[in-house]
Amino acid sequence: MRPLKILAFFAHPDDETMFLGGTLTYLAAQGAEVHYLCATRGEGGEMGDPPICERAELGLVREKELGCAIKALGGTSLAFLGFKDPEVGPEGELYPFSKDLAPVVRELSEFLDKIRPDVVLTHGPGGEYGHPGHIQAHQAVIEALGKQEYPPRVVYSPSWLSRETGEFTPAPGMLVDISPWVTKKIAAVTCHKSQHGLFLRNGAARAGRPVELVEMIRNQEALGRILPEGELAGDPLEEILRPIALALPATA
């Protein structure tokens, strides 16, 4: 029986770790092939606080950081699409990484044809916290899958822990205990050195006080199925995650 083949497709380096690093580590530990595809090299992101490189060097720096993180998570391979991450706007405005969705769909379709994954993990329709690049990555997945002769069996996205409510959003379909793999996730977070200032500012805003990186890594991650909709017998991701699944919180 061949191993489960998973494609983790995200817009920027660090998305894979911050959203689903513990889950991805667990999947690799269970023998799954976890292939990573990143739409950009994060060229428009932060350069560190204080800066660790010049703007022109950031793409290469973050490519190496992502390689370090994937090694910590036990990934099988890493590839990039040919898109450049735009710089954050003067008022903190975020942008998609391509003016046109068609070339993203084309490149992603070619990669899907080559990998033929059983499972795709990617951004959700709302971009977790509304990031246009995340939303564009999600849209590209949905369009590309319509062109596949051998589509994946399931597509999942992470549920993001909201700063405002302290709850996962959107409401997850699965909640998993990643506590045995937290140290691997912390190692992967540590690899993304150029983004530590951003991580710590976001963590402090959530906690209302200064925080350390390790405080930001929780013992739970959450996911929701995007495709197919409705009930599905024999969901391959649900089956492999069942040993670490937790009861979902009751909803009002």
Protein backbone atom coordinates (compact mmCIF):
# COMPACT_ATOMS: atom_id res chain seq x y z
CA MET A 1 0.00 0.00 0.00
CA ARG A 2 1.51 3.30 -1.06
CA PRO A 3 1.83 6.13 1.48
CA LEU A 4 -0.75 8.89 1.61
CA LYS A 5 0.42 11.75 -0.61
CA ILE A 6 -0.28 15.25 0.68
CA LEU A 7 0.24 18.64 -0.96
CA ALA A 8 0.57 21.60 1.41
CA PHE A 9 0.08 24.70 -0.78
CA PHE A 10 0.38 28.10 0.86
CA ALA A 11 0.97 31.67 -0.26
CA HIS A 12 4.04 32.60 1.81
CA PRO A 13 6.85 30.96 3.79
CA ASP A 14 5.75 30.50 7.45
CA ASP A 15 2.05 29.95 6.59
CA GLU A 16 2.64 26.20 6.64
CA THR A 17 4.16 26.29 10.12
CA MET A 18 1.97 28.84 11.85
CA PHE A 19 -1.28 27.31 10.61
CA LEU A 20 -0.64 23.56 10.59
CA GLY A 21 2.95 22.82 11.62
CA GLY A 22 2.03 20.25 14.26
CA THR A 23 -0.46 18.47 12.02
CA LEU A 24 2.02 18.34 9.15
CA THR A 25 4.69 16.92 11.45
CA TYR A 26 2.29 14.22 12.66
CA LEU A 27 1.34 13.30 9.10
CA ALA A 28 4.98 12.89 8.09
CA ALA A 29 5.63 10.80 11.22
CA GLN A 30 2.81 8.47 10.15
CA GLY A 31 4.56 7.83 6.84
CA ALA A 32 2.69 10.27 4.63
CA GLU A 33 4.57 12.00 1.82
CA VAL A 34 4.11 15.71 2.52
CA HIS A 35 5.04 17.87 -0.48
CA TYR A 36 5.23 21.61 0.04
CA LEU A 37 4.43 24.20 -2.62
CA CYS A 38 4.68 27.92 -1.92
CA ALA A 39 3.23 30.52 -4.27
CA THR A 40 5.89 33.14 -3.39
CA ARG A 41 9.15 33.48 -1.51
CA GLY A 42 7.67 36.12 0.79
CA GLU A 43 9.69 38.92 -0.81
CA GLY A 44 7.27 41.60 0.39
CA GLY A 45 7.26 40.62 4.05
CA GLU A 46 9.26 41.85 7.03
CA MET A 47 13.04 41.63 7.06
CA GLY A 48 13.47 41.10 10.78
CA ASP A 49 13.48 43.31 13.84
CA PRO A 50 16.23 44.44 13.62
CA PRO A 51 16.57 43.65 9.88
CA ILE A 52 18.66 40.59 9.05
CA CYS A 53 18.96 41.37 5.33
CA GLU A 54 18.27 43.91 2.62
CA ARG A 55 14.94 43.92 0.79
CA ALA A 56 16.55 42.54 -2.38
CA GLU A 57 17.86 39.56 -0.40
CA LEU A 58 14.65 38.71 1.44
CA GLY A 59 13.28 36.21 -1.08
CA LEU A 60 16.41 34.08 -0.89
CA VAL A 61 16.53 34.40 2.90
CA ARG A 62 12.94 33.28 3.29
CA GLU A 63 13.41 30.44 0.81
CA LYS A 64 16.19 29.12 3.03
CA GLU A 65 14.06 29.66 6.15
CA LEU A 66 11.25 27.64 4.59
CA GLY A 67 13.65 24.85 3.69
CA CYS A 68 14.83 24.79 7.30
CA ALA A 69 11.24 24.67 8.58
CA ILE A 70 10.21 21.86 6.26
CA LYS A 71 13.20 19.82 7.35
CA ALA A 72 12.05 20.27 10.96
CA LEU A 73 8.50 19.23 10.00
CA GLY A 74 9.69 16.13 8.14
CA GLY A 75 8.55 17.23 4.68
CA THR A 76 9.27 15.26 1.52
CA SER A 77 9.85 18.06 -1.00
CA LEU A 78 9.67 21.82 -1.52
CA ALA A 79 8.85 23.78 -4.68
CA PHE A 80 7.79 27.35 -5.53
CA LEU A 81 5.47 28.85 -8.09
CA GLY A 82 6.86 31.79 -10.04
CA PHE A 83 5.14 34.67 -8.24
CA LYS A 84 6.56 37.56 -6.23
CA ASP A 85 5.05 38.62 -2.95
CA PRO A 86 4.18 42.36 -3.12
CA GLU A 87 5.33 44.65 -0.35
CA VAL A 88 2.85 45.64 2.34
CA GLY A 89 1.18 48.98 1.63
CA PRO A 90 1.84 52.19 3.59
CA GLU A 91 -1.24 51.68 5.78
CA GLY A 92 -0.54 47.99 6.27
CA GLU A 93 -2.59 47.07 3.22
CA LEU A 94 -2.07 43.52 1.93
CA TYR A 95 -2.29 42.41 -1.69
CA PRO A 96 -2.69 39.27 -3.81
CA PHE A 97 0.51 37.97 -5.39
CA SER A 98 -0.80 37.97 -8.97
CA LYS A 99 -2.95 40.51 -10.84
CA ASP A 100 -4.53 37.67 -12.79
CA LEU A 101 -5.66 34.33 -11.39
CA ALA A 102 -5.17 32.47 -14.68
CA PRO A 103 -1.36 32.08 -14.49
CA VAL A 104 -1.63 30.88 -10.89
CA VAL A 105 -4.16 28.25 -11.93
CA ARG A 106 -1.96 27.20 -14.85
CA GLU A 107 1.18 26.73 -12.75
CA LEU A 108 -0.70 25.03 -9.95
CA SER A 109 -2.44 22.67 -12.39
CA GLU A 110 0.91 21.60 -13.80
CA PHE A 111 2.19 20.85 -10.31
CA LEU A 112 -0.94 18.90 -9.38
CA ASP A 113 -0.57 16.85 -12.57
CA LYS A 114 2.96 15.95 -11.50
CA ILE A 115 2.31 15.20 -7.81
CA ARG A 116 -1.23 13.76 -7.97
CA PRO A 117 -1.88 14.22 -4.24
CA ASP A 118 -4.56 12.37 -2.30
CA VAL A 119 -5.03 15.35 0.02
CA VAL A 120 -4.51 19.10 -0.44
CA LEU A 121 -4.02 21.39 2.55
CA THR A 122 -4.32 25.05 1.65
CA HIS A 123 -5.81 28.39 2.61
CA GLY A 124 -9.52 28.74 3.22
CA PRO A 125 -11.95 30.90 1.21
CA GLY A 126 -11.69 33.72 3.74
CA GLY A 127 -7.90 33.72 3.77
CA GLU A 128 -7.90 32.90 7.51
CA TYR A 129 -7.76 36.56 8.57
CA GLY A 130 -8.68 38.03 5.19
CA HIS A 131 -5.24 38.10 3.55
CA PRO A 132 -5.78 38.66 -0.21
CA GLY A 133 -2.81 36.40 -1.07
CA HIS A 134 -4.32 33.56 0.95
CA ILE A 135 -7.69 34.07 -0.71
CA GLN A 136 -6.04 34.00 -4.14
CA ALA A 137 -4.25 30.76 -3.33
CA HIS A 138 -7.56 29.21 -2.30
CA GLN A 139 -9.29 30.41 -5.47
CA ALA A 140 -6.47 28.96 -7.59
CA VAL A 141 -6.87 25.56 -5.92
CA ILE A 142 -10.61 25.48 -6.57
CA GLU A 143 -10.17 26.41 -10.24
CA ALA A 144 -7.20 24.12 -10.81
CA LEU A 145 -9.00 21.11 -9.37
CA GLY A 146 -11.71 21.51 -11.98
CA LYS A 147 -9.07 20.80 -14.62
CA GLN A 148 -7.56 17.69 -13.01
CA GLU A 149 -7.91 14.24 -14.49
CA TYR A 150 -6.87 12.79 -11.11
CA PRO A 151 -8.15 15.24 -8.47
CA PRO A 152 -7.32 14.79 -4.78
CA ARG A 153 -9.88 13.00 -2.67
CA VAL A 154 -10.17 15.84 -0.15
CA VAL A 155 -9.14 19.48 0.30
CA TYR A 156 -8.78 20.96 3.79
CA SER A 157 -7.90 24.38 5.15
CA PRO A 158 -6.82 25.54 8.61
CA SER A 159 -9.12 27.30 11.02
CA TRP A 160 -7.40 30.36 12.43
CA LEU A 161 -7.47 31.29 16.11
CA SER A 162 -9.13 34.71 16.10
CA ARG A 163 -7.46 37.48 18.10
CA GLU A 164 -10.85 39.07 18.70
CA THR A 165 -12.80 36.07 19.96
CA GLY A 166 -10.12 33.59 21.02
CA GLU A 167 -11.97 30.94 19.02
CA PHE A 168 -11.12 29.10 15.81
CA THR A 169 -12.63 30.65 12.70
CA PRO A 170 -14.31 29.37 10.67
CA ALA A 171 -15.73 26.72 12.98
CA PRO A 172 -13.49 23.66 12.45
CA GLY A 173 -14.53 20.22 11.33
CA MET A 174 -11.57 18.64 13.15
CA LEU A 175 -9.60 19.63 16.22
CA VAL A 176 -6.33 17.79 16.81
CA ASP A 177 -3.93 17.44 19.73
CA ILE A 178 -0.41 18.29 18.52
CA SER A 179 1.25 18.35 21.95
CA PRO A 180 3.70 15.48 21.15
CA TRP A 181 4.91 17.45 18.10
CA VAL A 182 5.01 20.96 19.56
CA THR A 183 8.80 20.87 19.84
CA LYS A 184 9.03 20.22 16.08
CA LYS A 185 6.65 23.09 15.39
CA ILE A 186 8.71 25.38 17.63
CA ALA A 187 11.85 24.34 15.72
CA ALA A 188 10.10 25.23 12.45
CA VAL A 189 8.93 28.59 13.82
CA THR A 190 12.49 29.29 14.93
CA CYS A 191 13.64 28.77 11.32
CA HIS A 192 11.49 31.71 10.16
CA LYS A 193 13.81 34.22 11.83
CA SER A 194 12.97 37.14 9.53
CA GLN A 195 9.35 37.01 10.75
CA HIS A 196 9.96 36.75 14.49
CA GLY A 197 9.31 40.45 15.08
CA LEU A 198 5.94 40.15 13.36
CA PHE A 199 5.06 36.97 15.26
CA LEU A 200 5.92 38.57 18.59
CA ARG A 201 3.94 41.76 17.89
CA ASN A 202 0.90 39.72 16.92
CA GLY A 203 1.30 37.53 19.98
CA ALA A 204 1.61 40.56 22.26
CA ALA A 205 -1.50 42.11 20.73
CA ARG A 206 -3.44 38.93 21.44
CA ALA A 207 -2.11 38.48 24.99
CA GLY A 208 -2.08 42.16 25.96
CA ARG A 209 1.55 41.85 27.10
CA PRO A 210 4.98 40.96 25.70
CA VAL A 211 5.32 37.27 24.84
CA GLU A 212 7.99 34.75 23.92
CA LEU A 213 7.80 32.67 20.74
CA VAL A 214 7.23 29.43 22.62
CA GLU A 215 4.16 30.92 24.35
CA MET A 216 2.50 31.38 20.97
CA ILE A 217 2.58 27.70 20.05
CA ARG A 218 -0.60 26.04 21.25
CA ASN A 219 -1.23 22.32 21.69
CA GLN A 220 -4.16 22.26 19.29
CA GLU A 221 -4.70 22.91 15.59
CA ALA A 222 -7.97 22.95 13.69
CA LEU A 223 -9.00 22.11 10.14
CA GLY A 224 -12.12 22.18 8.01
CA ARG A 225 -12.93 20.26 4.85
CA ILE A 226 -13.42 22.41 1.76
CA LEU A 227 -14.01 19.64 -0.78
CA PRO A 228 -16.01 17.57 -1.20
CA GLU A 229 -18.92 19.15 0.64
CA GLY A 230 -21.23 17.12 2.83
CA GLU A 231 -20.73 13.61 4.18
CA LEU A 232 -17.84 11.52 2.87
CA ALA A 233 -17.17 7.87 3.62
CA GLY A 234 -13.50 6.98 3.93
CA ASP A 235 -12.03 10.48 4.20
CA PRO A 236 -8.27 9.73 4.08
CA LEU A 237 -7.23 12.74 6.16
CA GLU A 238 -9.85 12.12 8.80
CA GLU A 239 -8.74 8.50 9.06
CA ILE A 240 -5.05 9.29 9.56
CA LEU A 241 -5.81 12.10 12.05
CA ARG A 242 -8.33 10.10 14.08
CA PRO A 243 -5.79 9.02 16.76
CA ILE A 244 -5.06 12.64 17.67
CA ALA A 245 -8.59 14.04 17.16
CA LEU A 246 -10.26 15.90 20.02
CA ALA A 247 -13.91 16.54 20.70
CA LEU A 248 -15.09 19.73 19.07
CA PRO A 249 -16.32 22.45 21.44
CA ALA A 250 -20.06 22.65 21.82
CA THR A 251 -21.72 25.43 19.86
CA ALA A 252 -24.51 27.56 21.20
